[in-house]
Amino acid sequence: MYIIIGREGGTGKSQIIKAIVAGLRILKRDQEIILLAPTGAAADNIGGNTIHTALGMTIGSKQNRTPPQRIQRLWATKTIIVIDEVSMVDLQTLAKINNRCKVAR
């Protein structure tokens, strides 16, 4: 399932993400979600990680085929991925995210 929450800045999109996390915490399923963003500032705003850090992606060089153990452990329990500021992510990067998620899982 894909859900896109789009509006201009300052309308509460990040607050919706925080509400989703709170709901999962109530259901005791908060370990299943991972919050990502393309920049450190956006990731910090939602209490998440940058896309590159969470997926062990490097910028500008060839990716290792197998992600480090740290990345595999991180993704072992994840079933929900949220990308804040997804409009800043180009299609090539989205494809890389998809591939890294497959390998990490």
Protein backbone atom coordinates (compact mmCIF):
# COMPACT_ATOMS: atom_id res chain seq x y z
CA MET A 1 0.00 0.00 0.00
CA TYR A 2 1.23 3.48 -0.81
CA ILE A 3 -0.10 6.58 0.86
CA ILE A 4 1.02 10.00 -0.26
CA ILE A 5 0.31 12.97 1.96
CA GLY A 6 0.99 16.08 -0.05
CA ARG A 7 0.44 19.73 0.76
CA GLU A 8 2.52 22.85 1.03
CA GLY A 9 4.95 23.38 3.89
CA GLY A 10 3.58 24.03 7.36
CA THR A 11 0.30 22.16 6.92
CA GLY A 12 1.07 19.31 9.32
CA LYS A 13 2.40 16.46 7.19
CA SER A 14 5.13 15.69 9.72
CA GLN A 15 2.53 15.74 12.49
CA ILE A 16 0.55 13.06 10.64
CA ILE A 17 3.70 10.91 10.53
CA LYS A 18 4.16 11.39 14.28
CA ALA A 19 0.51 10.42 14.83
CA ILE A 20 0.98 7.23 12.81
CA VAL A 21 4.00 6.33 14.95
CA ALA A 22 2.00 7.06 18.12
CA GLY A 23 -0.82 4.80 16.90
CA LEU A 24 1.61 1.99 16.18
CA ARG A 25 3.16 2.50 19.63
CA ILE A 26 -0.29 2.03 21.21
CA LEU A 27 -0.70 -1.18 19.19
CA LYS A 28 2.81 -2.25 20.29
CA ARG A 29 3.91 -2.40 16.65
CA ASP A 30 6.19 0.63 16.58
CA GLN A 31 9.24 -1.57 15.91
CA GLU A 32 7.76 -2.28 12.45
CA ILE A 33 8.01 1.29 11.14
CA ILE A 34 11.06 3.15 9.89
CA LEU A 35 11.04 6.87 9.23
CA LEU A 36 13.28 8.18 6.46
CA ALA A 37 13.94 11.49 4.76
CA PRO A 38 16.34 12.67 2.06
CA THR A 39 18.06 15.25 4.28
CA GLY A 40 19.29 15.28 7.84
CA ALA A 41 17.09 18.25 8.76
CA ALA A 42 13.93 16.54 7.48
CA ALA A 43 14.91 13.26 9.16
CA ASP A 44 15.53 15.04 12.46
CA ASN A 45 12.14 16.74 12.23
CA ILE A 46 10.32 13.38 12.26
CA GLY A 47 12.76 11.52 14.51
CA GLY A 48 14.03 9.36 11.67
CA ASN A 49 17.15 8.68 9.64
CA THR A 50 18.37 9.79 6.27
CA ILE A 51 17.62 7.39 3.45
CA HIS A 52 21.31 6.84 2.76
CA THR A 53 22.16 6.04 6.40
CA ALA A 54 19.24 3.67 6.96
CA LEU A 55 19.94 1.72 3.78
CA GLY A 56 23.73 1.85 3.83
CA MET A 57 23.72 3.67 0.50
CA THR A 58 26.75 5.59 -0.66
CA ILE A 59 26.64 8.74 -2.72
CA GLY A 60 28.35 8.68 -6.09
CA SER A 61 30.11 5.32 -5.84
CA LYS A 62 29.11 1.77 -6.59
CA GLN A 63 26.96 0.05 -3.96
CA ASN A 64 28.09 -3.05 -2.15
CA ARG A 65 25.84 -5.90 -3.17
CA THR A 66 25.21 -6.98 0.42
CA PRO A 67 24.43 -4.32 3.00
CA PRO A 68 26.36 -4.35 6.29
CA GLN A 69 25.06 -6.46 9.18
CA ARG A 70 23.95 -3.27 10.95
CA ILE A 71 21.57 -2.51 8.07
CA GLN A 72 20.25 -6.07 7.90
CA ARG A 73 19.52 -6.06 11.66
CA LEU A 74 17.78 -2.69 11.38
CA TRP A 75 15.49 -3.90 8.58
CA ALA A 76 14.76 -7.36 10.03
CA THR A 77 11.55 -6.21 11.76
CA LYS A 78 10.45 -3.40 9.43
CA THR A 79 7.20 -3.71 7.51
CA ILE A 80 6.32 -0.02 7.11
CA ILE A 81 8.53 2.60 5.50
CA VAL A 82 7.70 6.30 5.63
CA ILE A 83 9.64 8.76 3.50
CA ASP A 84 9.08 12.37 4.48
CA GLU A 85 9.80 15.02 1.86
CA VAL A 86 9.51 12.36 -0.84
CA SER A 87 9.11 15.11 -3.44
CA MET A 88 12.85 15.75 -2.99
CA VAL A 89 13.66 12.17 -4.04
CA ASP A 90 14.15 11.52 -7.75
CA LEU A 91 12.96 8.36 -9.52
CA GLN A 92 16.46 6.91 -9.79
CA THR A 93 16.91 7.19 -6.01
CA LEU A 94 13.47 5.65 -5.42
CA ALA A 95 14.56 2.68 -7.55
CA LYS A 96 17.75 2.39 -5.49
CA ILE A 97 15.69 2.53 -2.28
CA ASN A 98 13.47 -0.27 -3.59
CA ASN A 99 16.47 -2.43 -4.50
CA ARG A 100 18.23 -1.82 -1.18
CA CYS A 101 15.07 -2.67 0.75
CA LYS A 102 14.82 -5.99 -1.09
CA VAL A 103 18.46 -6.82 -0.36
CA ALA A 104 18.33 -5.63 3.26
CA ARG A 105 15.27 -7.77 4.00
